[in-house]
Amino acid sequence: MKTVNALFVVIMLLGACSTPKKTGPKRDLPTVAHADALKGGTSFSNPIVIMMQSEREVLDAEYKWLSINYPGYSLVRRTHKFRSSKHYDIVRIKTNQGQVRDIYFDSTHFWRKN
């Protein structure tokens, strides 16, 4: 049993010391501030989920979230998209620092009720 354990340790050490695989050329990826990643709402795959029953409640919840997370923002436009069997409200805002951002809200819960 000691031989098996010793062999396992040697294999693990050799694997840990192996050369990393080569990757392709470095691509410039879009940057997302750490605070934005924590907030969510940055894409279709990371939306703010709204679990309200009426359209008025959905809108109120979205605007409340925006005012808490982006105080002083101004609304540029809002659009609705249906993608991958889900409903999304995409709200474009201008932050009080002048940055334009799209915030994604998943409003599927409301749409399934109607």
Protein backbone atom coordinates (compact mmCIF):
# COMPACT_ATOMS: atom_id res chain seq x y z
CA MET A 1 0.00 0.00 0.00
CA LYS A 2 2.90 2.36 0.79
CA THR A 3 4.29 1.73 -2.70
CA VAL A 4 0.97 2.67 -4.29
CA ASN A 5 0.78 5.87 -2.22
CA ALA A 6 4.38 6.78 -3.08
CA LEU A 7 3.72 6.12 -6.77
CA PHE A 8 0.61 8.32 -6.61
CA VAL A 9 2.59 11.18 -5.03
CA VAL A 10 5.32 10.90 -7.69
CA ILE A 11 2.74 10.96 -10.50
CA MET A 12 1.02 14.00 -8.98
CA LEU A 13 4.35 15.84 -8.64
CA LEU A 14 5.31 15.08 -12.25
CA GLY A 15 1.90 16.25 -13.47
CA ALA A 16 2.20 19.47 -11.49
CA CYS A 17 5.61 20.19 -13.02
CA SER A 18 4.54 19.60 -16.63
CA THR A 19 4.79 22.37 -19.19
CA PRO A 20 1.57 24.30 -19.76
CA LYS A 21 -0.17 23.93 -23.12
CA LYS A 22 0.50 26.63 -25.67
CA THR A 23 -2.46 28.82 -26.45
CA GLY A 24 -3.29 30.84 -29.51
CA PRO A 25 -2.53 34.53 -29.91
CA LYS A 26 -3.76 36.78 -27.16
CA ARG A 27 -7.11 38.36 -27.96
CA ASP A 28 -8.31 41.61 -26.49
CA LEU A 29 -11.32 40.72 -24.39
CA PRO A 30 -13.87 43.28 -23.32
CA THR A 31 -13.17 44.46 -19.82
CA VAL A 32 -15.76 44.40 -17.09
CA ALA A 33 -15.11 46.22 -13.87
CA HIS A 34 -15.07 43.97 -10.80
CA ALA A 35 -17.99 45.88 -9.30
CA ASP A 36 -20.06 45.35 -12.47
CA ALA A 37 -19.42 41.61 -12.43
CA LEU A 38 -20.66 41.47 -8.86
CA LYS A 39 -23.77 43.45 -9.72
CA GLY A 40 -24.80 41.32 -12.65
CA GLY A 41 -26.93 42.53 -15.50
CA THR A 42 -23.94 42.73 -17.83
CA SER A 43 -25.16 40.26 -20.49
CA PHE A 44 -27.83 37.77 -21.54
CA SER A 45 -25.92 35.14 -19.55
CA ASN A 46 -25.72 37.32 -16.41
CA PRO A 47 -29.05 39.16 -16.15
CA ILE A 48 -30.79 40.62 -13.13
CA VAL A 49 -33.76 38.30 -12.56
CA ILE A 50 -37.05 40.08 -11.85
CA MET A 51 -39.71 37.92 -10.16
CA MET A 52 -42.74 40.24 -10.24
CA GLN A 53 -46.35 39.59 -11.25
CA SER A 54 -47.33 42.73 -13.17
CA GLU A 55 -45.68 44.93 -15.74
CA ARG A 56 -45.80 47.90 -13.37
CA GLU A 57 -44.02 45.87 -10.64
CA VAL A 58 -41.38 44.73 -13.15
CA LEU A 59 -40.69 48.30 -14.26
CA ASP A 60 -40.61 49.57 -10.67
CA ALA A 61 -38.17 46.81 -9.66
CA GLU A 62 -35.88 47.53 -12.63
CA TYR A 63 -35.79 51.27 -11.98
CA LYS A 64 -35.25 50.71 -8.27
CA TRP A 65 -32.30 48.39 -9.01
CA LEU A 66 -30.85 50.97 -11.40
CA SER A 67 -31.20 53.83 -8.91
CA ILE A 68 -29.50 51.80 -6.17
CA ASN A 69 -26.64 50.52 -8.34
CA TYR A 70 -26.20 53.54 -10.62
CA PRO A 71 -27.31 56.60 -8.64
CA GLY A 72 -27.77 59.63 -10.84
CA TYR A 73 -28.09 57.60 -14.06
CA SER A 74 -30.14 58.80 -17.00
CA LEU A 75 -32.21 56.54 -19.22
CA VAL A 76 -31.10 56.37 -22.86
CA ARG A 77 -33.51 53.69 -24.09
CA ARG A 78 -35.14 50.40 -23.19
CA THR A 79 -35.76 47.44 -25.46
CA HIS A 80 -37.31 44.02 -25.11
CA LYS A 81 -35.71 40.85 -26.55
CA PHE A 82 -36.88 37.25 -26.65
CA ARG A 83 -33.88 34.92 -26.71
CA SER A 84 -33.44 31.24 -25.88
CA SER A 85 -37.06 31.03 -24.67
CA LYS A 86 -36.53 33.87 -22.18
CA HIS A 87 -37.72 37.46 -22.09
CA TYR A 88 -35.20 40.22 -21.45
CA ASP A 89 -35.53 43.94 -20.88
CA ILE A 90 -32.35 45.71 -21.95
CA VAL A 91 -32.03 49.16 -20.46
CA ARG A 92 -29.35 51.46 -21.85
CA ILE A 93 -28.29 54.07 -19.32
CA LYS A 94 -25.75 56.82 -19.01
CA THR A 95 -24.04 56.77 -15.64
CA ASN A 96 -23.39 59.96 -13.72
CA GLN A 97 -19.72 59.52 -14.78
CA GLY A 98 -20.82 59.67 -18.45
CA GLN A 99 -20.41 55.96 -19.30
CA VAL A 100 -23.07 54.32 -21.46
CA ARG A 101 -24.08 50.82 -20.31
CA ASP A 102 -26.61 48.20 -21.24
CA ILE A 103 -28.21 46.49 -18.24
CA TYR A 104 -29.94 43.14 -18.83
CA PHE A 105 -33.02 42.14 -16.84
CA ASP A 106 -34.63 38.69 -17.13
CA SER A 107 -38.40 39.32 -16.98
CA THR A 108 -39.44 35.79 -18.03
CA HIS A 109 -41.35 35.21 -14.78
CA PHE A 110 -43.78 38.03 -15.59
CA TRP A 111 -44.26 36.91 -19.21
CA ARG A 112 -45.06 33.32 -18.21
CA LYS A 113 -47.87 34.58 -15.98
CA ASN A 114 -49.61 36.26 -18.94
